[in-house]
């Protein structure tokens, strides 16, 4: 009986061998688990972009033009300013009523319309500026790529400098940007205030503006002469991973805060600000884009520069097919 009991016990060698086998199995399974999780996150990212694109198209059907880009980084949304060029908030603010976020859009309504002629004054009340601050803390999950982080509010990196918002200490984040095209939106306007922030330059389209959404833009589907299916509307915005845990002060701000330009890269650490002004993604092989026809398509990081430029230019007449992606 005692001999049988001794044979039933694990020896130290057997125990160590068992642990080693379990460790090997875990090592083999972990990459597959991580891959499955990333596949799920990629699917969520695509769905987010799809919902945002549908919101932009619903806006376009209602207003006759794609969402406008806002007035610049010193401004955020104003519910009394309506939609279009007269709205200081960017595209992410202007589409809120079209993605079932009307209450968020309306926060701070006071009947005071911001000035659109010089001198540049914000025309907002203290209550409205406080409401704009609070609005930024309302998390809307479809604005966040889950590969980078989950939804929620984050501490602000640059809370000051706004003309119509009380400086916030925290804000929800945004990972997607409108397509400003191949030229800086600040170079698309003429006049003494060209390239400045603050005073809205409610200008008509110029030859320098090549994208769909930029400062005080008013691009219609008819302006997209290259074709809606091969012209980018929205895309993932490049972020420095060091800043994944921080938010810009207003996800509903205008121009450069929510508009990206011609560059395209995978997110990587290094010297730089939270945003680079370019498109980019945390996904391993490609970046996802919403096109002007509402379709979501992946684009490789190593896509030729000429092809990338054509995707972001609404009227360069360059021959381009979806196979080029």
C-alpha atoms as a PDB file:
ATOM      1  CA  UNK A   1       0.000   0.000   0.000  1.00  0.00           C
ATOM      2  CA  UNK A   2       2.752   2.480   0.919  1.00  0.00           C
ATOM      3  CA  UNK A   3       4.639   1.590  -2.249  1.00  0.00           C
ATOM      4  CA  UNK A   4       1.582   2.317  -4.385  1.00  0.00           C
ATOM      5  CA  UNK A   5       1.159   5.731  -2.745  1.00  0.00           C
ATOM      6  CA  UNK A   6       4.783   6.606  -3.434  1.00  0.00           C
ATOM      7  CA  UNK A   7       4.416   5.710  -7.153  1.00  0.00           C
ATOM      8  CA  UNK A   8       1.264   7.903  -7.476  1.00  0.00           C
ATOM      9  CA  UNK A   9       3.064  11.105  -6.394  1.00  0.00           C
ATOM     10  CA  UNK A  10       4.731  13.566  -8.872  1.00  0.00           C
ATOM     11  CA  UNK A  11       8.473  13.752  -8.811  1.00  0.00           C
ATOM     12  CA  UNK A  12      10.187  17.112  -9.068  1.00  0.00           C
ATOM     13  CA  UNK A  13      11.321  16.309 -12.613  1.00  0.00           C
ATOM     14  CA  UNK A  14       7.771  15.411 -13.668  1.00  0.00           C
ATOM     15  CA  UNK A  15       6.406  18.614 -12.154  1.00  0.00           C
ATOM     16  CA  UNK A  16       8.980  20.772 -13.901  1.00  0.00           C
ATOM     17  CA  UNK A  17       8.331  18.980 -17.178  1.00  0.00           C
ATOM     18  CA  UNK A  18       4.595  19.584 -16.865  1.00  0.00           C
ATOM     19  CA  UNK A  19       5.134  23.277 -16.158  1.00  0.00           C
ATOM     20  CA  UNK A  20       7.454  23.534 -19.160  1.00  0.00           C
ATOM     21  CA  UNK A  21       4.869  21.904 -21.439  1.00  0.00           C
ATOM     22  CA  UNK A  22       2.153  24.284 -20.221  1.00  0.00           C
ATOM     23  CA  UNK A  23       4.455  27.247 -20.799  1.00  0.00           C
ATOM     24  CA  UNK A  24       5.171  26.100 -24.360  1.00  0.00           C
ATOM     25  CA  UNK A  25       1.445  25.668 -25.056  1.00  0.00           C
ATOM     26  CA  UNK A  26       0.679  29.127 -23.693  1.00  0.00           C
ATOM     27  CA  UNK A  27       3.488  30.574 -25.829  1.00  0.00           C
ATOM     28  CA  UNK A  28       2.006  28.907 -28.898  1.00  0.00           C
ATOM     29  CA  UNK A  29      -1.549  30.010 -28.173  1.00  0.00           C
ATOM     30  CA  UNK A  30      -0.839  33.598 -27.102  1.00  0.00           C
ATOM     31  CA  UNK A  31      -0.040  34.952 -30.607  1.00  0.00           C
ATOM     32  CA  UNK A  32      -3.223  33.367 -31.936  1.00  0.00           C
ATOM     33  CA  UNK A  33      -5.254  34.937 -29.133  1.00  0.00           C
ATOM     34  CA  UNK A  34      -3.656  38.331 -29.728  1.00  0.00           C
ATOM     35  CA  UNK A  35      -4.262  38.011 -33.461  1.00  0.00           C
ATOM     36  CA  UNK A  36      -7.926  37.191 -32.868  1.00  0.00           C
ATOM     37  CA  UNK A  37      -8.294  40.165 -30.550  1.00  0.00           C
ATOM     38  CA  UNK A  38      -6.688  42.519 -33.077  1.00  0.00           C
ATOM     39  CA  UNK A  39      -8.967  41.162 -35.794  1.00  0.00           C
ATOM     40  CA  UNK A  40     -11.910  42.081 -33.588  1.00  0.00           C
ATOM     41  CA  UNK A  41     -10.499  45.546 -32.955  1.00  0.00           C
ATOM     42  CA  UNK A  42      -9.942  46.085 -36.686  1.00  0.00           C
ATOM     43  CA  UNK A  43     -13.548  45.130 -37.327  1.00  0.00           C
ATOM     44  CA  UNK A  44     -14.682  47.643 -34.706  1.00  0.00           C
ATOM     45  CA  UNK A  45     -12.496  50.334 -36.278  1.00  0.00           C
ATOM     46  CA  UNK A  46     -14.037  49.670 -39.695  1.00  0.00           C
ATOM     47  CA  UNK A  47     -17.515  49.827 -38.181  1.00  0.00           C
ATOM     48  CA  UNK A  48     -16.674  53.142 -36.476  1.00  0.00           C
ATOM     49  CA  UNK A  49     -15.535  54.665 -39.752  1.00  0.00           C
ATOM     50  CA  UNK A  50     -18.637  53.333 -41.489  1.00  0.00           C
ATOM     51  CA  UNK A  51     -20.935  54.993 -38.968  1.00  0.00           C
ATOM     52  CA  UNK A  52     -19.029  58.274 -39.261  1.00  0.00           C
ATOM     53  CA  UNK A  53     -19.125  58.104 -43.057  1.00  0.00           C
ATOM     54  CA  UNK A  54     -22.880  57.475 -43.015  1.00  0.00           C
ATOM     55  CA  UNK A  55     -23.266  60.472 -40.721  1.00  0.00           C
ATOM     56  CA  UNK A  56     -21.277  62.608 -43.166  1.00  0.00           C
ATOM     57  CA  UNK A  57     -23.373  61.403 -46.106  1.00  0.00           C
ATOM     58  CA  UNK A  58     -26.621  62.087 -44.212  1.00  0.00           C
ATOM     59  CA  UNK A  59     -25.281  65.577 -43.497  1.00  0.00           C
ATOM     60  CA  UNK A  60     -24.413  65.993 -47.174  1.00  0.00           C
ATOM     61  CA  UNK A  61     -27.886  64.950 -48.275  1.00  0.00           C
ATOM     62  CA  UNK A  62     -29.395  67.422 -45.819  1.00  0.00           C
ATOM     63  CA  UNK A  63     -27.087  70.392 -46.477  1.00  0.00           C
ATOM     64  CA  UNK A  64     -26.042  69.868 -50.082  1.00  0.00           C
ATOM     65  CA  UNK A  65     -22.331  69.734 -49.249  1.00  0.00           C
ATOM     66  CA  UNK A  66     -19.912  67.670 -47.175  1.00  0.00           C
ATOM     67  CA  UNK A  67     -19.349  68.725 -43.533  1.00  0.00           C
ATOM     68  CA  UNK A  68     -17.266  71.856 -43.182  1.00  0.00           C
ATOM     69  CA  UNK A  69     -13.917  71.915 -41.418  1.00  0.00           C
ATOM     70  CA  UNK A  70     -14.584  74.642 -38.848  1.00  0.00           C
ATOM     71  CA  UNK A  71     -12.694  77.835 -38.126  1.00  0.00           C
ATOM     72  CA  UNK A  72      -9.404  76.635 -36.686  1.00  0.00           C
ATOM     73  CA  UNK A  73      -7.892  75.252 -33.497  1.00  0.00           C
ATOM     74  CA  UNK A  74      -9.002  78.193 -31.329  1.00  0.00           C
ATOM     75  CA  UNK A  75     -12.655  77.342 -31.849  1.00  0.00           C
ATOM     76  CA  UNK A  76     -15.042  74.569 -30.904  1.00  0.00           C
ATOM     77  CA  UNK A  77     -18.671  73.872 -31.756  1.00  0.00           C
ATOM     78  CA  UNK A  78     -21.439  76.426 -31.189  1.00  0.00           C
ATOM     79  CA  UNK A  79     -25.021  75.056 -31.352  1.00  0.00           C
ATOM     80  CA  UNK A  80     -26.420  78.484 -32.256  1.00  0.00           C
ATOM     81  CA  UNK A  81     -24.293  78.772 -35.403  1.00  0.00           C
ATOM     82  CA  UNK A  82     -26.058  76.035 -37.366  1.00  0.00           C
ATOM     83  CA  UNK A  83     -24.117  74.004 -39.911  1.00  0.00           C
ATOM     84  CA  UNK A  84     -21.696  74.729 -42.711  1.00  0.00           C
ATOM     85  CA  UNK A  85     -19.180  77.559 -43.076  1.00  0.00           C
ATOM     86  CA  UNK A  86     -20.817  79.628 -40.338  1.00  0.00           C
ATOM     87  CA  UNK A  87     -20.185  76.861 -37.774  1.00  0.00           C
ATOM     88  CA  UNK A  88     -16.883  77.285 -35.876  1.00  0.00           C
ATOM     89  CA  UNK A  89     -16.818  73.614 -34.848  1.00  0.00           C
ATOM     90  CA  UNK A  90     -15.307  71.006 -37.143  1.00  0.00           C
ATOM     91  CA  UNK A  91     -16.866  68.098 -39.046  1.00  0.00           C
ATOM     92  CA  UNK A  92     -16.915  65.908 -35.927  1.00  0.00           C
ATOM     93  CA  UNK A  93     -19.216  68.436 -34.262  1.00  0.00           C
ATOM     94  CA  UNK A  94     -21.343  69.141 -37.299  1.00  0.00           C
ATOM     95  CA  UNK A  95     -22.329  65.509 -37.879  1.00  0.00           C
ATOM     96  CA  UNK A  96     -23.496  64.920 -34.279  1.00  0.00           C
ATOM     97  CA  UNK A  97     -27.208  65.346 -35.164  1.00  0.00           C
ATOM     98  CA  UNK A  98     -26.732  62.728 -37.899  1.00  0.00           C
ATOM     99  CA  UNK A  99     -25.197  60.060 -35.643  1.00  0.00           C
ATOM    100  CA  UNK A 100     -27.886  60.182 -32.961  1.00  0.00           C
ATOM    101  CA  UNK A 101     -26.030  62.749 -30.834  1.00  0.00           C
ATOM    102  CA  UNK A 102     -28.383  65.746 -31.104  1.00  0.00           C
ATOM    103  CA  UNK A 103     -28.439  66.341 -27.299  1.00  0.00           C
ATOM    104  CA  UNK A 104     -24.630  66.543 -27.322  1.00  0.00           C
ATOM    105  CA  UNK A 105     -24.712  68.966 -30.254  1.00  0.00           C
ATOM    106  CA  UNK A 106     -27.234  71.204 -28.472  1.00  0.00           C
ATOM    107  CA  UNK A 107     -25.331  71.551 -25.185  1.00  0.00           C
ATOM    108  CA  UNK A 108     -24.949  75.243 -24.359  1.00  0.00           C
ATOM    109  CA  UNK A 109     -27.604  76.620 -26.692  1.00  0.00           C
ATOM    110  CA  UNK A 110     -28.173  80.266 -25.712  1.00  0.00           C
ATOM    111  CA  UNK A 111     -29.368  81.978 -28.892  1.00  0.00           C
ATOM    112  CA  UNK A 112     -26.176  84.018 -29.314  1.00  0.00           C
ATOM    113  CA  UNK A 113     -24.599  83.513 -32.731  1.00  0.00           C
ATOM    114  CA  UNK A 114     -20.793  83.947 -32.979  1.00  0.00           C
ATOM    115  CA  UNK A 115     -19.507  86.873 -35.018  1.00  0.00           C
ATOM    116  CA  UNK A 116     -18.550  86.112 -38.607  1.00  0.00           C
ATOM    117  CA  UNK A 117     -17.194  89.541 -39.508  1.00  0.00           C
ATOM    118  CA  UNK A 118     -14.285  91.502 -38.009  1.00  0.00           C
ATOM    119  CA  UNK A 119     -13.466  92.194 -35.306  1.00  0.00           C
ATOM    120  CA  UNK A 120     -13.183  88.516 -34.404  1.00  0.00           C
ATOM    121  CA  UNK A 121     -15.237  88.073 -31.235  1.00  0.00           C
ATOM    122  CA  UNK A 122     -16.563  84.817 -29.870  1.00  0.00           C
ATOM    123  CA  UNK A 123     -20.022  86.148 -28.997  1.00  0.00           C
ATOM    124  CA  UNK A 124     -20.569  83.366 -26.454  1.00  0.00           C
ATOM    125  CA  UNK A 125     -21.817  83.542 -22.869  1.00  0.00           C
ATOM    126  CA  UNK A 126     -20.067  82.058 -19.846  1.00  0.00           C
ATOM    127  CA  UNK A 127     -22.749  79.367 -19.661  1.00  0.00           C
ATOM    128  CA  UNK A 128     -22.161  78.423 -23.274  1.00  0.00           C
ATOM    129  CA  UNK A 129     -18.373  78.317 -22.850  1.00  0.00           C
ATOM    130  CA  UNK A 130     -18.808  76.045 -19.824  1.00  0.00           C
ATOM    131  CA  UNK A 131     -21.201  73.817 -21.788  1.00  0.00           C
ATOM    132  CA  UNK A 132     -18.663  73.556 -24.614  1.00  0.00           C
ATOM    133  CA  UNK A 133     -16.099  72.373 -22.068  1.00  0.00           C
ATOM    134  CA  UNK A 134     -18.542  69.806 -20.684  1.00  0.00           C
ATOM    135  CA  UNK A 135     -19.510  68.633 -24.171  1.00  0.00           C
ATOM    136  CA  UNK A 136     -15.930  67.656 -24.848  1.00  0.00           C
ATOM    137  CA  UNK A 137     -16.125  65.247 -21.924  1.00  0.00           C
ATOM    138  CA  UNK A 138     -19.019  63.295 -23.459  1.00  0.00           C
ATOM    139  CA  UNK A 139     -17.468  60.132 -24.851  1.00  0.00           C
ATOM    140  CA  UNK A 140     -18.795  58.968 -28.235  1.00  0.00           C
ATOM    141  CA  UNK A 141     -17.291  55.476 -28.783  1.00  0.00           C
ATOM    142  CA  UNK A 142     -17.386  55.527 -32.598  1.00  0.00           C
ATOM    143  CA  UNK A 143     -14.746  58.300 -32.622  1.00  0.00           C
ATOM    144  CA  UNK A 144     -12.152  55.981 -31.022  1.00  0.00           C
ATOM    145  CA  UNK A 145     -10.058  53.239 -32.654  1.00  0.00           C
ATOM    146  CA  UNK A 146     -10.017  50.318 -30.166  1.00  0.00           C
ATOM    147  CA  UNK A 147      -6.527  49.228 -31.234  1.00  0.00           C
ATOM    148  CA  UNK A 148      -5.212  52.402 -29.617  1.00  0.00           C
ATOM    149  CA  UNK A 149      -7.435  52.565 -26.561  1.00  0.00           C
ATOM    150  CA  UNK A 150     -10.992  52.254 -25.312  1.00  0.00           C
ATOM    151  CA  UNK A 151     -13.619  55.001 -25.117  1.00  0.00           C
ATOM    152  CA  UNK A 152     -13.669  57.401 -22.197  1.00  0.00           C
ATOM    153  CA  UNK A 153     -12.336  60.781 -21.128  1.00  0.00           C
ATOM    154  CA  UNK A 154      -8.648  61.621 -20.945  1.00  0.00           C
ATOM    155  CA  UNK A 155      -6.599  64.487 -19.506  1.00  0.00           C
ATOM    156  CA  UNK A 156      -6.111  67.384 -21.940  1.00  0.00           C
ATOM    157  CA  UNK A 157      -2.718  68.212 -23.385  1.00  0.00           C
ATOM    158  CA  UNK A 158      -3.523  71.782 -24.452  1.00  0.00           C
ATOM    159  CA  UNK A 159      -6.508  73.135 -22.525  1.00  0.00           C
ATOM    160  CA  UNK A 160      -5.999  76.862 -23.159  1.00  0.00           C
ATOM    161  CA  UNK A 161      -6.293  79.202 -26.105  1.00  0.00           C
ATOM    162  CA  UNK A 162      -9.954  78.678 -27.013  1.00  0.00           C
ATOM    163  CA  UNK A 163     -12.104  81.672 -27.860  1.00  0.00           C
ATOM    164  CA  UNK A 164     -15.486  80.083 -27.161  1.00  0.00           C
ATOM    165  CA  UNK A 165     -14.759  77.392 -24.554  1.00  0.00           C
ATOM    166  CA  UNK A 166     -13.752  77.380 -20.892  1.00  0.00           C
ATOM    167  CA  UNK A 167     -10.358  75.641 -20.605  1.00  0.00           C
ATOM    168  CA  UNK A 168     -11.051  71.944 -19.953  1.00  0.00           C
ATOM    169  CA  UNK A 169      -9.058  69.596 -17.745  1.00  0.00           C
ATOM    170  CA  UNK A 170     -10.242  66.470 -19.550  1.00  0.00           C
ATOM    171  CA  UNK A 171     -11.877  65.543 -22.816  1.00  0.00           C
ATOM    172  CA  UNK A 172     -12.988  62.550 -24.847  1.00  0.00           C
ATOM    173  CA  UNK A 173     -10.669  61.544 -27.662  1.00  0.00           C
ATOM    174  CA  UNK A 174     -10.960  61.285 -31.428  1.00  0.00           C
ATOM    175  CA  UNK A 175      -8.912  59.017 -33.703  1.00  0.00           C
ATOM    176  CA  UNK A 176     -10.328  59.935 -37.112  1.00  0.00           C
ATOM    177  CA  UNK A 177      -9.837  62.981 -39.344  1.00  0.00           C
ATOM    178  CA  UNK A 178     -11.384  64.588 -42.373  1.00  0.00           C
ATOM    179  CA  UNK A 179      -9.417  64.621 -45.608  1.00  0.00           C
ATOM    180  CA  UNK A 180      -7.921  68.070 -46.077  1.00  0.00           C
ATOM    181  CA  UNK A 181      -6.279  66.983 -49.317  1.00  0.00           C
ATOM    182  CA  UNK A 182      -2.718  67.625 -50.447  1.00  0.00           C
ATOM    183  CA  UNK A 183      -2.354  71.281 -49.414  1.00  0.00           C
ATOM    184  CA  UNK A 184      -2.508  72.864 -45.996  1.00  0.00           C
ATOM    185  CA  UNK A 185      -6.009  74.204 -45.266  1.00  0.00           C
ATOM    186  CA  UNK A 186      -4.386  77.359 -43.919  1.00  0.00           C
ATOM    187  CA  UNK A 187      -3.149  78.144 -47.417  1.00  0.00           C
ATOM    188  CA  UNK A 188      -6.502  77.900 -49.149  1.00  0.00           C
ATOM    189  CA  UNK A 189      -7.786  81.349 -48.256  1.00  0.00           C
ATOM    190  CA  UNK A 190      -6.997  84.835 -49.460  1.00  0.00           C
ATOM    191  CA  UNK A 191      -7.120  88.211 -47.801  1.00  0.00           C
ATOM    192  CA  UNK A 192      -5.385  89.877 -44.862  1.00  0.00           C
ATOM    193  CA  UNK A 193      -6.382  87.051 -42.504  1.00  0.00           C
ATOM    194  CA  UNK A 194      -5.272  84.218 -44.769  1.00  0.00           C
ATOM    195  CA  UNK A 195      -3.730  81.378 -42.804  1.00  0.00           C
ATOM    196  CA  UNK A 196      -4.755  82.723 -39.399  1.00  0.00           C
ATOM    197  CA  UNK A 197      -6.914  81.210 -36.682  1.00  0.00           C
ATOM    198  CA  UNK A 198      -9.810  82.916 -34.961  1.00  0.00           C
ATOM    199  CA  UNK A 199     -11.595  85.004 -37.539  1.00  0.00           C
ATOM    200  CA  UNK A 200     -13.475  82.668 -39.921  1.00  0.00           C
ATOM    201  CA  UNK A 201     -12.437  83.136 -43.512  1.00  0.00           C
ATOM    202  CA  UNK A 202     -15.701  82.188 -45.153  1.00  0.00           C
ATOM    203  CA  UNK A 203     -14.130  81.907 -48.571  1.00  0.00           C
ATOM    204  CA  UNK A 204     -15.189  80.098 -51.707  1.00  0.00           C
ATOM    205  CA  UNK A 205     -13.262  77.117 -53.010  1.00  0.00           C
ATOM    206  CA  UNK A 206      -9.876  77.935 -54.472  1.00  0.00           C
ATOM    207  CA  UNK A 207      -7.452  75.974 -56.612  1.00  0.00           C
ATOM    208  CA  UNK A 208      -5.231  75.397 -53.568  1.00  0.00           C
ATOM    209  CA  UNK A 209      -7.910  73.440 -51.687  1.00  0.00           C
ATOM    210  CA  UNK A 210      -7.707  69.854 -52.904  1.00  0.00           C
ATOM    211  CA  UNK A 211      -9.531  67.846 -50.231  1.00  0.00           C
ATOM    212  CA  UNK A 212     -13.069  67.415 -48.961  1.00  0.00           C
ATOM    213  CA  UNK A 213     -12.952  68.878 -45.432  1.00  0.00           C
ATOM    214  CA  UNK A 214     -10.791  71.850 -44.399  1.00  0.00           C
ATOM    215  CA  UNK A 215     -11.172  75.262 -42.778  1.00  0.00           C
ATOM    216  CA  UNK A 216     -14.504  76.870 -43.759  1.00  0.00           C
ATOM    217  CA  UNK A 217     -14.929  74.345 -46.566  1.00  0.00           C
ATOM    218  CA  UNK A 218     -18.077  73.856 -48.595  1.00  0.00           C
ATOM    219  CA  UNK A 219     -17.335  70.985 -50.971  1.00  0.00           C
ATOM    220  CA  UNK A 220     -20.252  69.411 -52.812  1.00  0.00           C
ATOM    221  CA  UNK A 221     -20.316  65.952 -54.430  1.00  0.00           C
ATOM    222  CA  UNK A 222     -20.195  67.701 -57.815  1.00  0.00           C
ATOM    223  CA  UNK A 223     -16.772  69.128 -56.890  1.00  0.00           C
ATOM    224  CA  UNK A 224     -15.372  65.581 -56.572  1.00  0.00           C
ATOM    225  CA  UNK A 225     -14.679  65.145 -60.263  1.00  0.00           C
ATOM    226  CA  UNK A 226     -12.276  62.230 -59.806  1.00  0.00           C
ATOM    227  CA  UNK A 227     -15.131  60.061 -58.525  1.00  0.00           C
ATOM    228  CA  UNK A 228     -16.629  59.500 -55.092  1.00  0.00           C
ATOM    229  CA  UNK A 229     -15.393  55.896 -54.912  1.00  0.00           C
ATOM    230  CA  UNK A 230     -11.707  56.831 -55.290  1.00  0.00           C
ATOM    231  CA  UNK A 231     -11.600  60.017 -53.185  1.00  0.00           C
ATOM    232  CA  UNK A 232     -11.004  59.908 -49.418  1.00  0.00           C
ATOM    233  CA  UNK A 233     -13.533  61.499 -47.070  1.00  0.00           C
ATOM    234  CA  UNK A 234     -12.274  60.398 -43.622  1.00  0.00           C
ATOM    235  CA  UNK A 235      -9.416  58.307 -42.310  1.00  0.00           C
ATOM    236  CA  UNK A 236      -7.496  57.254 -39.236  1.00  0.00           C
ATOM    237  CA  UNK A 237      -5.376  60.076 -37.799  1.00  0.00           C
ATOM    238  CA  UNK A 238      -1.730  59.435 -36.995  1.00  0.00           C
ATOM    239  CA  UNK A 239      -0.862  59.609 -33.278  1.00  0.00           C
ATOM    240  CA  UNK A 240       2.331  59.308 -31.333  1.00  0.00           C
ATOM    241  CA  UNK A 241       1.728  56.305 -29.003  1.00  0.00           C
ATOM    242  CA  UNK A 242       3.249  58.339 -26.174  1.00  0.00           C
ATOM    243  CA  UNK A 243       0.036  60.393 -26.317  1.00  0.00           C
ATOM    244  CA  UNK A 244      -2.537  57.596 -26.475  1.00  0.00           C
ATOM    245  CA  UNK A 245      -3.462  58.352 -22.867  1.00  0.00           C
ATOM    246  CA  UNK A 246      -4.062  62.055 -23.544  1.00  0.00           C
ATOM    247  CA  UNK A 247      -6.693  63.990 -25.485  1.00  0.00           C
ATOM    248  CA  UNK A 248      -6.693  67.153 -27.531  1.00  0.00           C
ATOM    249  CA  UNK A 249      -8.625  69.866 -25.726  1.00  0.00           C
ATOM    250  CA  UNK A 250     -11.657  69.705 -28.013  1.00  0.00           C
ATOM    251  CA  UNK A 251     -12.553  66.813 -30.273  1.00  0.00           C
ATOM    252  CA  UNK A 252     -15.128  69.188 -31.769  1.00  0.00           C
ATOM    253  CA  UNK A 253     -12.610  71.857 -32.704  1.00  0.00           C
ATOM    254  CA  UNK A 254     -11.931  73.055 -36.202  1.00  0.00           C
ATOM    255  CA  UNK A 255      -9.387  72.676 -38.937  1.00  0.00           C
ATOM    256  CA  UNK A 256      -6.027  71.094 -38.016  1.00  0.00           C
ATOM    257  CA  UNK A 257      -7.328  69.335 -34.893  1.00  0.00           C
ATOM    258  CA  UNK A 258      -9.653  67.100 -36.897  1.00  0.00           C
ATOM    259  CA  UNK A 259      -8.274  67.356 -40.442  1.00  0.00           C
ATOM    260  CA  UNK A 260      -5.326  65.383 -41.861  1.00  0.00           C
ATOM    261  CA  UNK A 261      -3.231  65.879 -44.969  1.00  0.00           C
ATOM    262  CA  UNK A 262      -1.223  63.843 -47.410  1.00  0.00           C
ATOM    263  CA  UNK A 263       1.093  61.783 -45.207  1.00  0.00           C
ATOM    264  CA  UNK A 264       0.432  58.163 -44.247  1.00  0.00           C
ATOM    265  CA  UNK A 265       2.309  56.050 -41.700  1.00  0.00           C
ATOM    266  CA  UNK A 266       1.959  53.402 -39.046  1.00  0.00           C
ATOM    267  CA  UNK A 267       1.878  54.844 -35.530  1.00  0.00           C
ATOM    268  CA  UNK A 268       5.310  54.802 -33.961  1.00  0.00           C
ATOM    269  CA  UNK A 269       6.951  56.363 -30.965  1.00  0.00           C
ATOM    270  CA  UNK A 270       9.360  59.234 -31.305  1.00  0.00           C
ATOM    271  CA  UNK A 271       9.674  62.966 -31.073  1.00  0.00           C
ATOM    272  CA  UNK A 272       6.521  64.822 -31.987  1.00  0.00           C
ATOM    273  CA  UNK A 273       3.198  66.160 -30.856  1.00  0.00           C
ATOM    274  CA  UNK A 274       0.070  64.170 -30.208  1.00  0.00           C
ATOM    275  CA  UNK A 275      -1.022  64.543 -33.816  1.00  0.00           C
ATOM    276  CA  UNK A 276       1.190  64.833 -36.869  1.00  0.00           C
ATOM    277  CA  UNK A 277      -1.329  66.422 -39.202  1.00  0.00           C
ATOM    278  CA  UNK A 278      -1.213  63.273 -41.331  1.00  0.00           C
ATOM    279  CA  UNK A 279      -3.149  60.053 -41.650  1.00  0.00           C
ATOM    280  CA  UNK A 280      -1.889  56.945 -39.909  1.00  0.00           C
ATOM    281  CA  UNK A 281      -2.926  53.902 -37.930  1.00  0.00           C
ATOM    282  CA  UNK A 282      -1.983  51.571 -35.111  1.00  0.00           C
ATOM    283  CA  UNK A 283      -2.887  48.560 -37.270  1.00  0.00           C
ATOM    284  CA  UNK A 284      -0.011  46.422 -38.492  1.00  0.00           C
ATOM    285  CA  UNK A 285      -0.302  46.509 -42.283  1.00  0.00           C
ATOM    286  CA  UNK A 286      -2.683  49.237 -43.377  1.00  0.00           C
ATOM    287  CA  UNK A 287      -4.758  52.253 -42.493  1.00  0.00           C
ATOM    288  CA  UNK A 288      -8.534  52.359 -42.931  1.00  0.00           C
ATOM    289  CA  UNK A 289     -10.253  55.106 -44.901  1.00  0.00           C
ATOM    290  CA  UNK A 290     -13.847  56.087 -45.587  1.00  0.00           C
ATOM    291  CA  UNK A 291     -14.367  57.199 -49.175  1.00  0.00           C
ATOM    292  CA  UNK A 292     -16.858  59.755 -50.450  1.00  0.00           C
ATOM    293  CA  UNK A 293     -19.230  56.999 -51.568  1.00  0.00           C
ATOM    294  CA  UNK A 294     -19.418  55.708 -47.979  1.00  0.00           C
ATOM    295  CA  UNK A 295     -17.270  52.622 -48.573  1.00  0.00           C
ATOM    296  CA  UNK A 296     -14.507  51.683 -46.101  1.00  0.00           C
ATOM    297  CA  UNK A 297     -11.270  50.464 -47.660  1.00  0.00           C
ATOM    298  CA  UNK A 298      -7.813  49.567 -46.293  1.00  0.00           C
ATOM    299  CA  UNK A 299      -4.814  51.367 -47.755  1.00  0.00           C
ATOM    300  CA  UNK A 300      -1.275  50.010 -47.417  1.00  0.00           C
ATOM    301  CA  UNK A 301       1.398  52.102 -45.717  1.00  0.00           C
ATOM    302  CA  UNK A 302       3.749  51.480 -48.642  1.00  0.00           C
ATOM    303  CA  UNK A 303       1.300  52.705 -51.262  1.00  0.00           C
ATOM    304  CA  UNK A 304       3.101  54.789 -53.932  1.00  0.00           C
ATOM    305  CA  UNK A 305       3.144  58.500 -53.174  1.00  0.00           C
ATOM    306  CA  UNK A 306       1.395  59.347 -56.425  1.00  0.00           C
ATOM    307  CA  UNK A 307      -1.481  56.987 -55.679  1.00  0.00           C
ATOM    308  CA  UNK A 308      -1.855  58.347 -52.158  1.00  0.00           C
ATOM    309  CA  UNK A 309      -1.912  61.906 -53.459  1.00  0.00           C
ATOM    310  CA  UNK A 310      -4.591  61.024 -55.989  1.00  0.00           C
ATOM    311  CA  UNK A 311      -6.759  59.450 -53.287  1.00  0.00           C
ATOM    312  CA  UNK A 312      -6.686  62.699 -51.313  1.00  0.00           C
ATOM    313  CA  UNK A 313      -7.115  65.049 -54.278  1.00  0.00           C
ATOM    314  CA  UNK A 314     -10.699  65.422 -55.449  1.00  0.00           C
ATOM    315  CA  UNK A 315      -9.892  66.806 -58.894  1.00  0.00           C
ATOM    316  CA  UNK A 316      -6.415  65.867 -60.138  1.00  0.00           C
ATOM    317  CA  UNK A 317      -7.815  63.726 -62.959  1.00  0.00           C
ATOM    318  CA  UNK A 318      -5.125  61.084 -62.401  1.00  0.00           C
ATOM    319  CA  UNK A 319      -6.150  57.591 -63.543  1.00  0.00           C
ATOM    320  CA  UNK A 320      -6.906  55.531 -60.443  1.00  0.00           C
ATOM    321  CA  UNK A 321      -8.743  52.294 -59.709  1.00  0.00           C
ATOM    322  CA  UNK A 322      -9.477  50.432 -56.493  1.00  0.00           C
ATOM    323  CA  UNK A 323      -6.889  47.819 -57.496  1.00  0.00           C
ATOM    324  CA  UNK A 324      -4.216  50.481 -56.912  1.00  0.00           C
ATOM    325  CA  UNK A 325      -4.904  50.374 -53.165  1.00  0.00           C
END
